[in-house]
Amino acid sequence: MTRWIERTKYWLCATVLWLAACPAHAADDGLLWSVRDPVGTLRGYLFGTVHLCSAACYPLPPLPSEAFSSSRLLVLELDPADPSIGRQLTRAGQLREGSGSLSARLPAEKWLALVELGAGQGLRPQLLERMQPWLVSMSLMVGAAARLGYGPQWGVDLWLADAARRAGVELVALETVERQIAALAGGGEAAQLAALAQTIALLEGGELGDYLEAMLRAWRSGDGEALARLLEVGADEAALAPLLEQLLAQRNHEMAARLAQLMARPGPVFVAVGAAHLDGPEGLAAQLERLGFGLERLRAGRRDPPL
C-alpha cells in the first residue's frame, strides 16, 4: 500500500477529481490574468494550472513563464513537497471502523466493475473495501492516466514549486492538506458515490483518452464553462452538486480572502491554482473582483506592460 500512496499522494493538489492531464504547447496562451489593486498597481498574476500532466506540458506557454519569472512570491494550493501529504492521505482515505464496507454502498454491478478496474491496477478487493470513495476515484484515475503517459510528477504545480526553490522564490500554500481532504470527502454519501460511479463509467467505457482531449481543448482555449461541464460528464448532476460546492465554490471564497492578504505583500505574486477554480460567478477571478481587484485576461499578442 505504501507504493500506491506514493503514486497518488500528489493528486491531492488537484482537489478536483477529474481535472486531469492537459498538455500545453508554447503557442498556447494558457489561463493567465493580471491582478491590480484599486489604484491600478500590479499586485500579481492568476494562472490556471493542471496538476496531472506529461512531459509535453513543457515548456510552459510564454506569457505564464514570463509572469512567473518576474514574480517574487509563488502561491500554490499546497506545497507538493509537503511530507505530511502521504501520511494524511493514508489516514483520511480509510473508512471508519464500524462504518461498513464500500461494496455495501454500491450496486452489485458497480462493485464488480470496480473490482475489475482495481485488479488491472494492482488494487485488491480487500483494499478497495476499506477505502473512501474519493480515494478510490483518485487512485483509479491516476493509474489509468499513467498508462496514457501522464503522471503527477509532470504536474504544473510541482514544476513551479521546483523552479521557485531553485530561484530562491518564496512559496506559500493557500490551504492545508486537512482542508483539501475535507473538501474531497465532502458533499455527503450520495455525492461521493455519484462521483465514484462517474469515474467507473469513464474508465470502464475506455473513454479516458477522449475525455482528456476534451479537457485539453477547453484548457487551451480558456473555456472555463467547458471545463465545468466536463466535471459533470456521466454523473447525476443533482447528486454531484453538493460535492462541487465544497470542492470549488466554498474554497474559492476562502482562497480569495487569503489572496487579498498576500497581494498586499511586495510583489508581484504569482498565484497558480487548478483551472476549474477560476471561471464563473463563484470562480476565483470573480471573487477577487468583488474584493476590489481589477483582473485582465492576458493573451498572446496583447501584452500587459509589466510583461
Foldseek 3Di string as FASTA:
>chain_A
DLVLLVQQLQCLLQLQLPLAEAADAQQFFFWKKFKAFQVGHTLAMEGAWHQKYAPSNPPPHPVLVVRLVFKQEEEGQDQSPPPCSSVVCVVLFFADPPPFWPCVVDDVVLLVLLCVLCVVVVRHSVNNRGTQLLVSSSSSVQSVVVVVRMGSCPTPSNVSSVVCVVVVGHYDHLYDSVLSSCLSNDLDDLQSVQQSSQSSVCVVVVPSVVLNVQSNVCRRVVPLVSVVVSSCPPGDCVSNVSSCCSSELVVLLSSLVVVVVVSVDDINYYYYGHSNQADDCSHNVVNNVVVRMDMDTDGPPDDDVVD
